[in-house]
C-alpha atoms as a PDB file:
ATOM      1  CA  MET A   1       0.016  -0.336  -0.071  1.00  0.00           C
ATOM      2  CA  THR A   2       1.429   3.588  -0.910  1.00  0.00           C
ATOM      3  CA  ARG A   3       0.602   6.306   1.529  1.00  0.00           C
ATOM      4  CA  ARG A   4       0.906   9.806  -0.671  1.00  0.00           C
ATOM      5  CA  SER A   5       0.178  12.499   2.204  1.00  0.00           C
ATOM      6  CA  GLY A   6       3.340  13.652   4.100  1.00  0.00           C
ATOM      7  CA  PRO A   7       6.667  13.813   3.440  1.00  0.00           C
ATOM      8  CA  LEU A   8       9.348  11.166   2.490  1.00  0.00           C
ATOM      9  CA  PHE A   9      12.057  10.650   4.070  1.00  0.00           C
ATOM     10  CA  HIS A  10      16.326   9.792   2.397  1.00  0.00           C
ATOM     11  CA  VAL A  11      19.154   9.722   4.038  1.00  0.00           C
ATOM     12  CA  ALA A  12      22.448  10.932   1.870  1.00  0.00           C
ATOM     13  CA  LEU A  13      26.399  10.803   2.200  1.00  0.00           C
ATOM     14  CA  PRO A  14      26.954  14.467   0.997  1.00  0.00           C
ATOM     15  CA  GLU A  15      29.277  13.106  -1.600  1.00  0.00           C
ATOM     16  CA  ASP A  16      26.377  11.531  -3.520  1.00  0.00           C
ATOM     17  CA  TRP A  17      24.253  15.022  -2.949  1.00  0.00           C
ATOM     18  CA  ASP A  18      26.703  16.948  -4.369  1.00  0.00           C
ATOM     19  CA  GLU A  19      27.314  14.641  -7.336  1.00  0.00           C
ATOM     20  CA  ALA A  20      23.691  14.414  -8.149  1.00  0.00           C
ATOM     21  CA  LEU A  21      23.133  18.181  -7.911  1.00  0.00           C
ATOM     22  CA  ARG A  22      26.523  18.338 -10.663  1.00  0.00           C
ATOM     23  CA  SER A  23      24.880  15.807 -12.428  1.00  0.00           C
ATOM     24  CA  GLY A  24      21.140  17.257 -12.286  1.00  0.00           C
ATOM     25  CA  ARG A  25      20.396  13.012 -11.224  1.00  0.00           C
ATOM     26  CA  TYR A  26      20.329  11.362  -7.682  1.00  0.00           C
ATOM     27  CA  VAL A  27      20.782   7.976  -8.324  1.00  0.00           C
ATOM     28  CA  MET A  28      21.709   6.519  -4.843  1.00  0.00           C
ATOM     29  CA  SER A  29      19.200   4.113  -3.309  1.00  0.00           C
ATOM     30  CA  THR A  30      21.018   3.303  -0.505  1.00  0.00           C
ATOM     31  CA  ARG A  31      24.486   3.844   1.247  1.00  0.00           C
ATOM     32  CA  GLY A  32      27.000   2.461  -1.365  1.00  0.00           C
ATOM     33  CA  GLN A  33      24.261   1.101  -3.642  1.00  0.00           C
ATOM     34  CA  THR A  34      22.551   2.582  -6.670  1.00  0.00           C
ATOM     35  CA  VAL A  35      18.767   2.680  -8.059  1.00  0.00           C
ATOM     36  CA  ALA A  36      20.477   0.307 -10.435  1.00  0.00           C
ATOM     37  CA  GLU A  37      21.448  -2.138  -8.225  1.00  0.00           C
ATOM     38  CA  VAL A  38      18.980  -2.243  -5.455  1.00  0.00           C
ATOM     39  CA  GLY A  39      15.736  -1.660  -7.802  1.00  0.00           C
ATOM     40  CA  PHE A  40      14.118   1.063  -5.929  1.00  0.00           C
ATOM     41  CA  ALA A  41      15.570   3.942  -3.670  1.00  0.00           C
ATOM     42  CA  HIS A  42      15.137   3.355  -0.097  1.00  0.00           C
ATOM     43  CA  LEU A  43      12.526   6.282   2.065  1.00  0.00           C
ATOM     44  CA  ALA A  44      11.679   6.829   5.592  1.00  0.00           C
ATOM     45  CA  TYR A  45       8.609   8.079   6.967  1.00  0.00           C
ATOM     46  CA  GLU A  46       9.394  10.908   9.742  1.00  0.00           C
ATOM     47  CA  HIS A  47       8.657   8.502  12.384  1.00  0.00           C
ATOM     48  CA  GLN A  48      11.513   6.307  10.636  1.00  0.00           C
ATOM     49  CA  CYS A  49      14.163   8.545   9.763  1.00  0.00           C
ATOM     50  CA  ALA A  50      15.731   8.913  12.933  1.00  0.00           C
ATOM     51  CA  GLY A  51      16.296   4.561  12.963  1.00  0.00           C
ATOM     52  CA  VAL A  52      17.873   4.815   9.585  1.00  0.00           C
ATOM     53  CA  LEU A  53      20.029   7.621  10.870  1.00  0.00           C
ATOM     54  CA  GLU A  54      21.412   5.743  13.635  1.00  0.00           C
ATOM     55  CA  ARG A  55      21.371   1.968  12.350  1.00  0.00           C
ATOM     56  CA  TYR A  56      22.955   2.685   8.687  1.00  0.00           C
ATOM     57  CA  TYR A  57      24.605   6.094   9.501  1.00  0.00           C
ATOM     58  CA  ALA A  58      25.805   6.349  12.936  1.00  0.00           C
ATOM     59  CA  ASP A  59      29.728   6.981  11.487  1.00  0.00           C
ATOM     60  CA  ARG A  60      28.502   9.548   9.250  1.00  0.00           C
ATOM     61  CA  PRO A  61      27.395  12.304  11.528  1.00  0.00           C
ATOM     62  CA  ASP A  62      27.453  14.425   7.920  1.00  0.00           C
ATOM     63  CA  ALA A  63      24.825  12.407   6.753  1.00  0.00           C
ATOM     64  CA  LEU A  64      22.374  14.648   5.064  1.00  0.00           C
ATOM     65  CA  VAL A  65      18.870  14.404   5.380  1.00  0.00           C
ATOM     66  CA  LEU A  66      16.262  14.863   2.129  1.00  0.00           C
ATOM     67  CA  LEU A  67      12.809  16.062   2.904  1.00  0.00           C
ATOM     68  CA  VAL A  68      11.121  14.881  -0.166  1.00  0.00           C
ATOM     69  CA  ASP A  69       7.781  15.832  -1.391  1.00  0.00           C
ATOM     70  CA  PRO A  70       5.993  12.132  -2.666  1.00  0.00           C
ATOM     71  CA  THR A  71       3.529  14.891  -4.748  1.00  0.00           C
ATOM     72  CA  LEU A  72       6.839  15.553  -7.544  1.00  0.00           C
ATOM     73  CA  LEU A  73       6.941  11.695  -7.607  1.00  0.00           C
ATOM     74  CA  VAL A  74       6.576  10.424 -10.950  1.00  0.00           C
ATOM     75  CA  ASP A  75       7.682   6.642 -10.219  1.00  0.00           C
ATOM     76  CA  ALA A  76       5.736   4.260  -7.995  1.00  0.00           C
ATOM     77  CA  VAL A  77       6.362   4.454  -4.155  1.00  0.00           C
ATOM     78  CA  LYS A  78       5.465   1.312  -2.453  1.00  0.00           C
ATOM     79  CA  ASP A  79       5.637   0.391   1.509  1.00  0.00           C
ATOM     80  CA  GLU A  80       7.056  -2.280   1.776  1.00  0.00           C
ATOM     81  CA  ALA A  81       8.658  -4.991   5.168  1.00  0.00           C
ATOM     82  CA  SER A  82      12.223  -4.090   5.388  1.00  0.00           C
ATOM     83  CA  VAL A  83      12.696  -7.982   6.623  1.00  0.00           C
ATOM     84  CA  GLU A  84       9.555 -10.693   6.433  1.00  0.00           C
ATOM     85  CA  GLY A  85       7.455  -9.045   8.869  1.00  0.00           C
ATOM     86  CA  GLY A  86       9.347  -6.127   9.472  1.00  0.00           C
ATOM     87  CA  GLU A  87       8.118  -2.751   9.482  1.00  0.00           C
ATOM     88  CA  ALA A  88       7.063  -0.879   6.231  1.00  0.00           C
ATOM     89  CA  PHE A  89       9.178   1.793   4.739  1.00  0.00           C
ATOM     90  CA  PRO A  90       8.091   3.359   1.636  1.00  0.00           C
ATOM     91  CA  HIS A  91      10.310   2.159  -1.329  1.00  0.00           C
ATOM     92  CA  LEU A  92      10.452   4.286  -4.568  1.00  0.00           C
ATOM     93  CA  TYR A  93      11.028   2.398  -7.632  1.00  0.00           C
ATOM     94  CA  GLY A  94      12.811   4.514  -9.881  1.00  0.00           C
ATOM     95  CA  ALA A  95      15.958   7.059  -9.042  1.00  0.00           C
ATOM     96  CA  LEU A  96      15.035  10.590  -6.496  1.00  0.00           C
ATOM     97  CA  PRO A  97      14.098  13.179  -8.752  1.00  0.00           C
ATOM     98  CA  ILE A  98      16.362  16.362  -7.188  1.00  0.00           C
ATOM     99  CA  HIS A  99      13.315  18.815  -7.739  1.00  0.00           C
ATOM    100  CA  ALA A 100      10.944  16.575  -5.489  1.00  0.00           C
ATOM    101  CA  VAL A 101      13.438  17.412  -2.640  1.00  0.00           C
ATOM    102  CA  ILE A 102      12.190  20.413  -1.354  1.00  0.00           C
ATOM    103  CA  ALA A 103      14.481  20.964   1.941  1.00  0.00           C
ATOM    104  CA  GLN A 104      17.879  19.497   3.037  1.00  0.00           C
ATOM    105  CA  MET A 105      18.791  18.929   6.912  1.00  0.00           C
ATOM    106  CA  GLU A 106      20.768  17.353   8.885  1.00  0.00           C
ATOM    107  CA  ALA A 107      18.121  16.338  10.928  1.00  0.00           C
ATOM    108  CA  CYS A 108      14.832  14.503  10.655  1.00  0.00           C
ATOM    109  CA  ASP A 109      12.947  16.569  12.949  1.00  0.00           C
ATOM    110  CA  MET A 110      10.793  18.755  11.206  1.00  0.00           C
ATOM    111  CA  ARG A 111       9.499  21.033  14.251  1.00  0.00           C
END
């Protein structure tokens, strides 16, 4: 099931985001893997974002949180379990369009 209301989040390494801004395309799925390799881009809901930072980017305090407007995404977004029976995360079945990133933050908290 896809939820389209509210923002989505994607954690990016600064060097990957800088390359996307230079090239005009953000092709990373997750840390060290592209959408072509994985098949989709990993996204998160606000309540999941801090956990993603803690689990996968604790050694990279410079990691960026990209705030994504789901209404600007063309490719399908599907909620899928991270592991069998696990919590469902949004997966974007395509590259993340740069114009869909409406803010770049250092943390997940929107307040």
